[in-house]
Amino acid sequence: MNRNSINLILAVGALVLVAGCFCRSNRDLDGPSDNPPRPTSTLSTSQANKSTTGSTSAKKPDTGDFLVEHLPVTTPRYIEIDKQVRGEKLLENAADDLNKALNLNDDITLRTKDCKEINAYYDPNDSTVTMCYELMEHFYATFKSAGSTDSESYKKMFDAVRFVFLHEIAHALIDKFKLPVIGNEEDAADRCSAYINLEELGDEGVSAVFAAADAFAIESKKNQGKAKNMADEHLLGEQRFYNSLCMIYGSNTSKYEKIVTEGYLPKERAVRCANEYQRTVDSWVNLLGPYRKN
């Protein structure tokens, strides 16, 4: 991985200017089918579907913090990236932003490291969120294998990591806040990440959800003909692909109508996406209301 990879870590640090919600997972990609669209338009901040619902519960006490732990990196090609992460205090800045946004009832530690596997995960045993350098490298290779240029692959890699990071943070909050999840937690984490990206992060957030959908699609095509692990807690990649597009389309149906008109999202699903998206927004606003500082 060359010096452009450092920008990925910078993107991770910048991403945590989130004031909404976050979630956990041990497997981030598992593939879809169709090629996702690549529009460059951004989410309007004046969209009509903004939630007006909010929790009236009393604010929770702030007895925990987001912390940072730097573990030794043993893989030579990641050493320079790790030095950059430490030197720029990227995790420290991310933790600071999160601490300003949320009241925690327990500490949560943020890590980047070489994991000897392609992964990103929240571990409830030690309350850590880990982003592996191997996953970042994997995203780049995934997009490159589908025909993207070097610069396009790096850009999509940055965006996909943003989606995954928020997915893992959301798992951490579900665990620490004992939030009720009616349904599949992995799906809830995906939807939470999509919600934060689309509502809070503007242009970069929209790109993150598109990049995740793109990665699900590419991985799915690679796995065509292989047996699917139907017992896995994650949804199939194909489902995650369509769910991601549904969240984007539902956030602003007029702005993203090409997702439907160009055939990426079936009309039979699209007609429900605005309601699906609004339910997601209302649910996370209410669940996290007591823990938000602002």
Protein backbone atom coordinates (compact mmCIF):
# COMPACT_ATOMS: atom_id res chain seq x y z
CA MET A 1 0.00 0.00 0.00
CA ASN A 2 1.57 3.35 -0.97
CA ARG A 3 1.50 6.82 0.61
CA ASN A 4 -1.97 7.53 -0.75
CA SER A 5 -3.20 5.05 1.84
CA ILE A 6 -2.45 7.62 4.52
CA ASN A 7 -5.37 9.65 3.24
CA LEU A 8 -7.60 6.76 4.22
CA ILE A 9 -6.65 7.18 7.84
CA LEU A 10 -7.17 10.92 7.56
CA ALA A 11 -10.65 10.18 6.30
CA VAL A 12 -11.31 7.95 9.31
CA GLY A 13 -10.24 10.74 11.65
CA ALA A 14 -12.42 13.32 9.94
CA LEU A 15 -15.41 11.04 9.79
CA VAL A 16 -16.13 11.12 13.49
CA LEU A 17 -17.67 14.55 13.45
CA VAL A 18 -20.91 12.67 13.91
CA ALA A 19 -23.58 13.72 16.37
CA GLY A 20 -26.04 10.98 15.65
CA CYS A 21 -25.47 7.23 16.10
CA PHE A 22 -23.07 4.47 15.36
CA CYS A 23 -22.75 0.17 15.52
CA ARG A 24 -20.46 -3.77 15.44
CA SER A 25 -19.54 -6.60 12.98
CA ASN A 26 -16.94 -9.26 12.36
CA ARG A 27 -17.51 -9.50 8.61
CA ASP A 28 -17.95 -6.37 6.55
CA LEU A 29 -18.34 -7.62 3.01
CA ASP A 30 -20.34 -10.48 1.62
CA GLY A 31 -21.40 -9.97 -1.81
CA PRO A 32 -24.32 -8.60 -3.98
CA SER A 33 -25.06 -8.86 -7.64
CA ASP A 34 -25.87 -5.85 -9.80
CA ASN A 35 -23.43 -3.00 -10.38
CA PRO A 36 -24.46 -0.07 -8.18
CA PRO A 37 -24.91 3.43 -9.63
CA ARG A 38 -22.24 6.06 -9.22
CA PRO A 39 -24.01 9.43 -9.23
CA THR A 40 -22.05 12.31 -7.75
CA SER A 41 -24.96 14.37 -6.44
CA THR A 42 -25.17 15.12 -2.71
CA LEU A 43 -27.87 15.05 -0.11
CA SER A 44 -29.81 18.29 0.29
CA THR A 45 -29.77 19.63 3.82
CA SER A 46 -33.28 21.00 3.34
CA GLN A 47 -34.84 17.69 2.37
CA ALA A 48 -38.52 17.30 3.25
CA ASN A 49 -38.00 13.99 4.99
CA LYS A 50 -36.04 15.30 7.97
CA SER A 51 -37.24 13.77 11.23
CA THR A 52 -39.11 15.93 13.69
CA THR A 53 -39.18 13.20 16.32
CA GLY A 54 -36.96 13.36 19.38
CA SER A 55 -36.65 11.61 22.68
CA THR A 56 -37.93 13.43 25.73
CA SER A 57 -36.12 11.10 28.15
CA ALA A 58 -33.77 12.62 30.71
CA LYS A 59 -30.16 12.89 29.63
CA LYS A 60 -27.94 10.02 30.75
CA PRO A 61 -24.91 10.71 32.97
CA ASP A 62 -21.49 10.86 31.32
CA THR A 63 -19.37 8.29 33.16
CA GLY A 64 -17.25 6.93 30.30
CA ASP A 65 -15.03 8.10 27.46
CA PHE A 66 -13.85 7.11 24.00
CA LEU A 67 -10.19 6.22 24.48
CA VAL A 68 -7.31 5.42 22.13
CA GLU A 69 -4.83 2.56 22.24
CA HIS A 70 -1.93 2.19 19.79
CA LEU A 71 -0.78 -1.40 19.39
CA PRO A 72 2.58 -2.37 17.83
CA VAL A 73 2.44 -2.95 14.06
CA THR A 74 4.43 -5.95 12.88
CA THR A 75 3.59 -5.96 9.15
CA PRO A 76 6.32 -3.94 7.37
CA ARG A 77 4.09 -2.37 4.72
CA TYR A 78 1.84 -0.85 7.41
CA ILE A 79 4.56 0.67 9.59
CA GLU A 80 4.67 4.02 7.78
CA ILE A 81 0.87 4.35 7.88
CA ASP A 82 0.88 3.59 11.59
CA LYS A 83 3.49 6.30 12.18
CA GLN A 84 1.28 8.77 10.35
CA VAL A 85 -1.76 7.80 12.43
CA ARG A 86 0.15 8.37 15.66
CA GLY A 87 1.86 11.55 14.49
CA GLU A 88 -1.35 13.20 13.34
CA LYS A 89 -3.19 12.04 16.50
CA LEU A 90 -6.04 10.89 14.28
CA LEU A 91 -7.59 8.46 16.74
CA GLU A 92 -7.16 10.96 19.56
CA ASN A 93 -9.01 13.61 17.56
CA ALA A 94 -11.73 11.11 16.67
CA ALA A 95 -12.19 10.15 20.31
CA ASP A 96 -12.37 13.82 21.29
CA ASP A 97 -15.12 14.50 18.75
CA LEU A 98 -17.12 11.50 19.92
CA ASN A 99 -16.73 12.49 23.55
CA LYS A 100 -18.11 15.93 22.71
CA ALA A 101 -21.14 14.35 21.03
CA LEU A 102 -22.20 11.57 23.39
CA ASN A 103 -22.58 10.72 27.06
CA LEU A 104 -21.07 7.27 27.63
CA ASN A 105 -21.78 4.96 30.54
CA ASP A 106 -18.48 3.09 30.05
CA ASP A 107 -15.20 3.49 28.19
CA ILE A 108 -14.87 2.44 24.53
CA THR A 109 -11.38 2.16 23.01
CA LEU A 110 -10.63 2.96 19.35
CA ARG A 111 -7.83 1.12 17.55
CA THR A 112 -6.20 0.77 14.17
CA LYS A 113 -3.80 -2.13 13.80
CA ASP A 114 -2.59 -4.94 11.59
CA CYS A 115 -4.83 -7.86 12.45
CA LYS A 116 -3.38 -10.60 10.23
CA GLU A 117 -6.84 -10.84 8.67
CA ILE A 118 -9.26 -8.74 6.63
CA ASN A 119 -11.57 -7.44 9.31
CA ALA A 120 -13.11 -4.64 11.36
CA TYR A 121 -14.96 -5.34 14.56
CA TYR A 122 -16.34 -4.28 17.91
CA ASP A 123 -15.31 -6.60 20.74
CA PRO A 124 -17.72 -6.45 23.71
CA ASN A 125 -15.23 -8.36 25.88
CA ASP A 126 -12.85 -5.41 26.09
CA SER A 127 -15.07 -2.66 24.61
CA THR A 128 -12.85 -1.93 21.61
CA VAL A 129 -13.53 -0.85 18.03
CA THR A 130 -10.77 -2.03 15.72
CA MET A 131 -10.19 -1.07 12.09
CA CYS A 132 -7.63 -3.40 10.48
CA TYR A 133 -5.15 -2.14 7.92
CA GLU A 134 -5.79 -5.37 6.01
CA LEU A 135 -9.42 -4.36 5.44
CA MET A 136 -8.35 -1.01 4.02
CA GLU A 137 -5.96 -2.76 1.66
CA HIS A 138 -8.72 -5.22 0.72
CA PHE A 139 -11.13 -2.43 -0.22
CA TYR A 140 -8.55 -0.91 -2.54
CA ALA A 141 -7.91 -4.26 -4.24
CA THR A 142 -11.67 -4.91 -4.54
CA PHE A 143 -12.38 -1.68 -6.39
CA LYS A 144 -9.24 -2.03 -8.50
CA SER A 145 -10.29 -5.54 -9.57
CA ALA A 146 -13.58 -4.13 -10.87
CA GLY A 147 -11.81 -1.77 -13.24
CA SER A 148 -11.45 1.41 -11.19
CA THR A 149 -8.29 3.45 -11.64
CA ASP A 150 -5.77 3.87 -8.82
CA SER A 151 -7.22 7.23 -7.80
CA GLU A 152 -10.82 6.00 -8.06
CA SER A 153 -9.98 2.93 -5.99
CA TYR A 154 -8.37 5.01 -3.24
CA LYS A 155 -11.33 7.37 -3.15
CA LYS A 156 -13.82 4.50 -2.90
CA MET A 157 -11.63 2.83 -0.29
CA PHE A 158 -11.79 5.95 1.88
CA ASP A 159 -15.56 6.07 1.51
CA ALA A 160 -16.11 2.39 2.26
CA VAL A 161 -14.01 2.62 5.43
CA ARG A 162 -16.19 5.50 6.61
CA PHE A 163 -19.28 3.30 6.26
CA VAL A 164 -17.65 0.37 8.08
CA PHE A 165 -16.28 2.53 10.89
CA LEU A 166 -19.74 3.89 11.68
CA HIS A 167 -21.16 0.38 11.49
CA GLU A 168 -18.72 -0.76 14.16
CA ILE A 169 -19.27 2.28 16.38
CA ALA A 170 -22.98 1.58 16.23
CA HIS A 171 -22.45 -1.97 17.49
CA ALA A 172 -20.50 -0.53 20.40
CA LEU A 173 -23.34 1.83 21.33
CA ILE A 174 -25.97 -0.89 20.99
CA ASP A 175 -23.95 -2.93 23.45
CA LYS A 176 -23.03 -0.19 25.92
CA PHE A 177 -26.42 1.55 25.95
CA LYS A 178 -28.33 -1.76 25.86
CA LEU A 179 -30.39 -0.36 23.00
CA PRO A 180 -33.36 -2.45 21.88
CA VAL A 181 -32.96 -3.88 18.40
CA ILE A 182 -36.11 -5.39 16.92
CA GLY A 183 -34.70 -7.53 14.14
CA ASN A 184 -31.22 -8.33 12.89
CA GLU A 185 -28.49 -6.34 14.66
CA GLU A 186 -26.16 -6.40 11.65
CA ASP A 187 -28.90 -4.86 9.52
CA ALA A 188 -29.55 -2.28 12.23
CA ALA A 189 -25.84 -1.40 12.21
CA ASP A 190 -25.84 -0.99 8.43
CA ARG A 191 -28.90 1.24 8.58
CA CYS A 192 -27.44 3.27 11.40
CA SER A 193 -24.27 3.87 9.39
CA ALA A 194 -26.34 4.84 6.36
CA TYR A 195 -28.44 7.20 8.48
CA ILE A 196 -25.42 9.03 9.95
CA ASN A 197 -23.71 9.26 6.59
CA LEU A 198 -26.78 10.59 4.81
CA GLU A 199 -28.04 12.91 7.55
CA GLU A 200 -24.83 14.19 9.12
CA LEU A 201 -21.93 13.95 6.66
CA GLY A 202 -23.36 15.42 3.46
CA ASP A 203 -21.46 14.78 0.25
CA GLU A 204 -18.89 12.47 1.80
CA GLY A 205 -21.60 10.51 3.58
CA VAL A 206 -23.54 9.84 0.39
CA SER A 207 -20.33 8.66 -1.29
CA ALA A 208 -19.68 6.33 1.64
CA VAL A 209 -23.02 4.55 1.27
CA PHE A 210 -22.57 4.25 -2.49
CA ALA A 211 -19.07 2.85 -1.98
CA ALA A 212 -20.35 0.25 0.47
CA ALA A 213 -23.06 -0.80 -1.99
CA ASP A 214 -20.44 -1.00 -4.74
CA ALA A 215 -18.20 -3.22 -2.59
CA PHE A 216 -21.11 -5.53 -1.74
CA ALA A 217 -21.88 -5.85 -5.46
CA ILE A 218 -18.31 -6.61 -6.49
CA GLU A 219 -17.83 -9.19 -3.75
CA SER A 220 -21.12 -10.84 -4.66
CA LYS A 221 -20.13 -11.26 -8.29
CA LYS A 222 -16.82 -12.79 -7.23
CA ASN A 223 -18.70 -15.29 -5.08
CA GLN A 224 -21.26 -16.34 -7.70
CA GLY A 225 -21.55 -20.09 -7.81
CA LYS A 226 -20.11 -20.53 -4.32
CA ALA A 227 -22.19 -21.84 -1.44
CA LYS A 228 -23.64 -19.08 0.73
CA ASN A 229 -23.37 -19.18 4.51
CA MET A 230 -27.06 -18.93 5.32
CA ALA A 231 -26.39 -19.30 9.06
CA ASP A 232 -24.26 -16.17 9.25
CA GLU A 233 -25.72 -13.30 11.29
CA HIS A 234 -25.05 -10.83 8.48
CA LEU A 235 -27.51 -10.38 5.65
CA LEU A 236 -26.45 -11.68 2.26
CA GLY A 237 -24.37 -9.23 0.28
CA GLU A 238 -27.15 -8.87 -2.27
CA GLN A 239 -29.51 -7.73 0.47
CA ARG A 240 -27.00 -5.27 1.87
CA PHE A 241 -26.52 -3.85 -1.62
CA TYR A 242 -30.22 -3.21 -2.16
CA ASN A 243 -30.73 -1.96 1.39
CA SER A 244 -27.96 0.59 0.94
CA LEU A 245 -29.47 1.87 -2.29
CA CYS A 246 -32.90 1.97 -0.66
CA MET A 247 -31.58 4.18 2.13
CA ILE A 248 -30.02 6.59 -0.35
CA TYR A 249 -33.12 6.74 -2.52
CA GLY A 250 -35.43 7.03 0.47
CA SER A 251 -33.46 9.95 1.86
CA ASN A 252 -34.41 12.07 -1.17
CA THR A 253 -36.47 10.30 -3.83
CA SER A 254 -36.36 13.13 -6.36
CA LYS A 255 -32.62 13.72 -6.05
CA TYR A 256 -31.73 10.06 -6.44
CA GLU A 257 -34.46 8.93 -8.83
CA LYS A 258 -31.85 7.60 -11.27
CA ILE A 259 -31.25 4.72 -8.88
CA VAL A 260 -34.71 3.52 -9.90
CA THR A 261 -35.06 4.82 -13.45
CA GLU A 262 -31.74 3.27 -14.47
CA GLY A 263 -32.74 -0.08 -13.02
CA TYR A 264 -30.45 -0.44 -10.03
CA LEU A 265 -33.28 -0.63 -7.50
CA PRO A 266 -36.52 -2.45 -8.46
CA LYS A 267 -39.62 -0.25 -8.44
CA GLU A 268 -41.41 -2.76 -6.22
CA ARG A 269 -38.84 -2.06 -3.47
CA ALA A 270 -38.35 1.61 -4.24
CA VAL A 271 -41.93 2.58 -3.40
CA ARG A 272 -41.27 1.63 0.23
CA CYS A 273 -37.86 3.26 0.62
CA ALA A 274 -38.98 6.70 1.77
CA ASN A 275 -40.94 5.15 4.64
CA GLU A 276 -38.10 2.73 5.42
CA TYR A 277 -35.64 5.58 5.62
CA GLN A 278 -37.89 7.76 7.77
CA ARG A 279 -38.48 4.90 10.21
CA THR A 280 -34.72 4.45 10.46
CA VAL A 281 -34.21 8.15 11.18
CA ASP A 282 -36.99 8.30 13.77
CA SER A 283 -35.79 5.14 15.50
CA TRP A 284 -32.17 6.25 15.91
CA VAL A 285 -33.07 9.80 16.89
CA ASN A 286 -35.24 8.45 19.69
CA LEU A 287 -32.84 5.71 20.81
CA LEU A 288 -29.85 8.02 21.04
CA GLY A 289 -31.65 11.14 22.26
CA PRO A 290 -30.89 10.54 25.97
CA TYR A 291 -27.17 10.08 25.22
CA ARG A 292 -26.56 13.10 23.00
CA LYS A 293 -24.92 16.10 24.57
CA ASN A 294 -26.42 18.59 22.14
